[in-house]
Protein backbone atom coordinates (compact mmCIF):
# COMPACT_ATOMS: atom_id res chain seq x y z
CA UNK A 1 -21.56 -2.75 -31.60
CA UNK A 2 -22.64 0.88 -31.99
CA UNK A 3 -21.84 2.94 -35.09
CA UNK A 4 -19.54 5.08 -32.91
CA UNK A 5 -17.54 2.02 -31.90
CA UNK A 6 -17.35 0.76 -35.46
CA UNK A 7 -16.12 4.15 -36.68
CA UNK A 8 -13.43 4.35 -33.96
CA UNK A 9 -12.24 0.80 -34.63
CA UNK A 10 -12.10 1.39 -38.40
CA UNK A 11 -10.29 4.73 -38.01
CA UNK A 12 -7.65 3.47 -35.58
CA UNK A 13 -7.48 -0.10 -36.86
CA UNK A 14 -6.36 1.05 -40.31
CA UNK A 15 -3.65 3.26 -38.76
CA UNK A 16 -2.39 1.02 -35.96
CA UNK A 17 0.52 -0.62 -37.77
CA UNK A 18 2.37 2.64 -38.43
CA UNK A 19 0.90 4.85 -35.68
CA UNK A 20 4.17 5.11 -33.74
CA UNK A 21 6.16 5.89 -36.90
CA UNK A 22 3.80 8.78 -37.68
CA UNK A 23 4.45 10.38 -34.27
CA UNK A 24 8.00 9.39 -33.32
CA UNK A 25 8.80 12.40 -31.15
CA UNK A 26 5.90 12.24 -28.64
CA UNK A 27 7.73 10.25 -25.96
CA UNK A 28 8.99 13.20 -23.88
CA UNK A 29 5.55 14.86 -23.93
CA UNK A 30 3.95 11.63 -22.68
CA UNK A 31 6.54 11.31 -19.90
CA UNK A 32 6.01 14.93 -18.83
CA UNK A 33 2.21 14.51 -18.76
CA UNK A 34 2.50 11.32 -16.70
CA UNK A 35 4.75 13.18 -14.25
CA UNK A 36 2.00 15.79 -13.79
CA UNK A 37 -0.30 13.05 -12.41
CA UNK A 38 1.83 12.82 -9.27
CA UNK A 39 1.75 9.03 -9.14
CA UNK A 40 3.54 7.23 -6.31
CA UNK A 41 5.10 3.78 -6.09
CA UNK A 42 2.38 1.19 -5.62
CA UNK A 43 -0.39 3.28 -7.23
CA UNK A 44 -2.95 1.72 -9.58
CA UNK A 45 -3.44 3.55 -12.88
CA UNK A 46 -5.40 3.08 -16.10
CA UNK A 47 -4.34 4.35 -19.50
CA UNK A 48 -7.82 4.81 -21.01
CA UNK A 49 -7.78 4.55 -24.79
CA UNK A 50 -4.16 3.44 -24.60
CA UNK A 51 -3.71 2.87 -28.33
CA UNK A 52 -0.24 1.49 -28.97
CA UNK A 53 0.65 1.93 -25.30
CA UNK A 54 2.99 4.92 -25.52
CA UNK A 55 2.12 5.97 -21.95
CA UNK A 56 2.58 2.54 -20.39
CA UNK A 57 6.35 2.79 -19.94
CA UNK A 58 6.31 6.15 -18.12
CA UNK A 59 3.29 5.01 -16.09
CA UNK A 60 5.18 1.87 -15.03
CA UNK A 61 8.23 3.96 -14.12
CA UNK A 62 6.01 6.18 -11.95
CA UNK A 63 4.24 3.41 -10.01
CA UNK A 64 7.18 1.01 -9.87
CA UNK A 65 7.09 -2.78 -9.74
CA UNK A 66 4.55 -2.82 -6.90
CA UNK A 67 2.05 -0.68 -8.81
CA UNK A 68 -0.64 -1.73 -11.26
CA UNK A 69 -0.72 -0.38 -14.82
CA UNK A 70 -3.65 -1.18 -17.09
CA UNK A 71 -4.07 -0.16 -20.71
CA UNK A 72 -7.59 -0.31 -22.15
CA UNK A 73 -8.50 0.23 -25.78
CA UNK A 74 -11.46 -0.52 -28.02
CA UNK A 75 -9.38 -1.35 -31.10
CA UNK A 76 -7.73 -4.81 -31.24
CA UNK A 77 -5.17 -3.67 -33.84
CA UNK A 78 -3.91 -0.93 -31.50
CA UNK A 79 -3.43 -3.44 -28.67
CA UNK A 80 -1.64 -5.78 -31.07
CA UNK A 81 0.71 -2.93 -32.00
CA UNK A 82 1.35 -2.34 -28.28
CA UNK A 83 2.32 -6.00 -27.90
CA UNK A 84 4.62 -5.85 -30.96
CA UNK A 85 6.32 -2.83 -29.37
CA UNK A 86 6.81 -4.81 -26.13
CA UNK A 87 4.73 -2.40 -24.09
CA UNK A 88 2.64 -5.21 -22.64
CA UNK A 89 5.64 -5.77 -20.32
CA UNK A 90 4.82 -2.44 -18.65
CA UNK A 91 1.07 -2.93 -18.22
CA UNK A 92 -1.78 -5.37 -18.59
CA UNK A 93 -3.73 -4.73 -21.81
CA UNK A 94 -7.51 -4.92 -21.89
CA UNK A 95 -9.80 -4.91 -24.92
CA UNK A 96 -12.44 -2.71 -23.32
CA UNK A 97 -14.74 0.23 -23.88
CA UNK A 98 -14.32 3.19 -21.52
CA UNK A 99 -18.12 3.38 -21.42
CA UNK A 100 -18.24 0.12 -19.43
CA UNK A 101 -14.90 -0.73 -17.87
CA UNK A 102 -14.46 -4.24 -16.43
CA UNK A 103 -13.10 -2.77 -13.20
CA UNK A 104 -14.41 -2.43 -9.66
CA UNK A 105 -15.59 0.96 -8.45
CA UNK A 106 -12.94 3.05 -6.68
CA UNK A 107 -10.24 0.50 -7.54
CA UNK A 108 -7.75 2.92 -9.15
CA UNK A 109 -5.69 5.89 -8.05
CA UNK A 110 -5.55 7.62 -11.43
CA UNK A 111 -6.54 7.61 -15.10
CA UNK A 112 -4.39 8.85 -17.97
CA UNK A 113 -6.19 9.53 -21.25
CA UNK A 114 -4.22 10.67 -24.29
CA UNK A 115 -6.27 11.91 -27.23
CA UNK A 116 -9.36 10.19 -25.87
CA UNK A 117 -11.88 12.94 -25.21
CA UNK A 118 -12.51 13.80 -28.87
CA UNK A 119 -13.44 10.19 -29.64
CA UNK A 120 -15.98 9.65 -26.86
CA UNK A 121 -19.55 9.20 -28.11
CA UNK A 122 -20.96 10.28 -24.72
CA UNK A 123 -18.29 12.47 -23.09
CA UNK A 124 -20.23 13.16 -19.88
CA UNK A 125 -21.23 9.54 -19.40
CA UNK A 126 -17.79 8.24 -20.30
CA UNK A 127 -16.08 10.65 -17.89
CA UNK A 128 -18.53 9.50 -15.17
CA UNK A 129 -17.43 5.93 -15.87
CA UNK A 130 -13.79 6.95 -15.45
CA UNK A 131 -14.75 8.64 -12.17
CA UNK A 132 -16.50 5.45 -11.05
CA UNK A 133 -13.31 3.40 -11.15
CA UNK A 134 -11.14 6.02 -9.38
CA UNK A 135 -11.04 6.53 -5.60
CA UNK A 136 -12.15 9.92 -4.23
CA UNK A 137 -9.24 12.32 -4.57
CA UNK A 138 -7.75 10.23 -7.38
CA UNK A 139 -6.45 11.96 -10.49
CA UNK A 140 -7.35 12.26 -14.17
CA UNK A 141 -5.09 13.59 -16.92
CA UNK A 142 -6.62 14.41 -20.30
CA UNK A 143 -3.67 14.83 -22.60
CA UNK A 144 -2.68 15.44 -26.19
CA UNK A 145 0.96 15.82 -27.30
CA UNK A 146 0.11 18.99 -29.21
CA UNK A 147 -2.26 21.81 -28.32
CA UNK A 148 -5.69 22.48 -29.78
CA UNK A 149 -4.56 25.09 -32.32
CA UNK A 150 -1.64 22.96 -33.54
CA UNK A 151 -3.90 19.93 -33.84
CA UNK A 152 -6.51 21.88 -35.80
CA UNK A 153 -3.81 23.14 -38.16
CA UNK A 154 -2.48 19.59 -38.63
CA UNK A 155 -6.00 18.42 -39.49
CA UNK A 156 -6.69 21.39 -41.79
CA UNK A 157 -9.58 22.77 -39.78
CA UNK A 158 -10.40 25.87 -37.75
CA UNK A 159 -10.81 26.01 -34.00
CA UNK A 160 -14.43 26.57 -33.04
CA UNK A 161 -16.04 27.78 -29.81
CA UNK A 162 -17.75 24.39 -29.54
CA UNK A 163 -14.46 22.49 -29.25
CA UNK A 164 -14.95 20.09 -26.35
CA UNK A 165 -11.37 20.66 -25.16
CA UNK A 166 -11.78 24.43 -24.91
CA UNK A 167 -11.55 25.42 -21.26
CA UNK A 168 -15.05 27.00 -21.04
CA UNK A 169 -16.51 23.71 -22.32
CA UNK A 170 -14.25 21.21 -20.58
CA UNK A 171 -14.38 22.56 -17.01
CA UNK A 172 -18.20 22.26 -16.67
CA UNK A 173 -18.17 18.91 -18.46
CA UNK A 174 -15.66 17.55 -15.95
CA UNK A 175 -17.53 19.09 -13.00
CA UNK A 176 -20.77 17.50 -14.11
CA UNK A 177 -19.04 14.13 -14.45
CA UNK A 178 -17.58 13.91 -10.96
CA UNK A 179 -14.22 15.66 -11.49
CA UNK A 180 -12.78 18.93 -10.17
CA UNK A 181 -10.39 20.58 -12.64
CA UNK A 182 -7.08 21.52 -11.02
CA UNK A 183 -5.05 22.63 -14.06
CA UNK A 184 -5.64 23.49 -17.71
CA UNK A 185 -2.79 23.96 -20.19
CA UNK A 186 -3.27 24.52 -23.92
CA UNK A 187 -0.01 25.38 -25.68
CA UNK A 188 1.26 24.52 -29.15
CA UNK A 189 3.45 21.80 -27.63
CA UNK A 190 0.77 20.12 -25.50
CA UNK A 191 -2.75 20.01 -24.17
CA UNK A 192 -3.22 18.87 -20.58
CA UNK A 193 -6.21 19.08 -18.28
CA UNK A 194 -5.79 17.69 -14.77
CA UNK A 195 -8.66 16.89 -12.44
CA UNK A 196 -9.33 15.08 -9.18
CA UNK A 197 -12.30 12.89 -8.44
CA UNK A 198 -14.82 14.57 -6.22
CA UNK A 199 -15.52 12.90 -2.89
């Protein structure tokens, strides 16, 4: 296991048990971001870096009983917390790295990724892997329930021009990874970048 993986598992593993209690009011923001994906009944969607599975319920509601919802995370404790919360009823949970997903190419209609981008050791390569598993024209939502400035303030740091989520950095990163950005929103109440997989 790489140092990056170990760091991510240690960081999230130690916080998994009370993660949902720390952020109890995020549900509506997750539901709104899922709605922006434009999913239809029967669609196949992955929650990449699903954590405790907070997006699985709105994803299931969007694709209905005939759809497929997968939640993949690198941290076993986060997946265990998702099971304790009963969210495994809304999607199949996978212990998996987004750098090498155990999924067929072009097998999904969309990917939802909440808070993931900042934790990717190889953002361009990892976004290419997400593109690999999505059909051409399929969607990607990079989401955070608060915007970049609010998140920086919460973490006691300053925003910098090198922030990966800043629009001038994110758009070319997505384009170089097989995605065409269709929307970019960075407000105090949310961060959302939407993209479609290039043909």
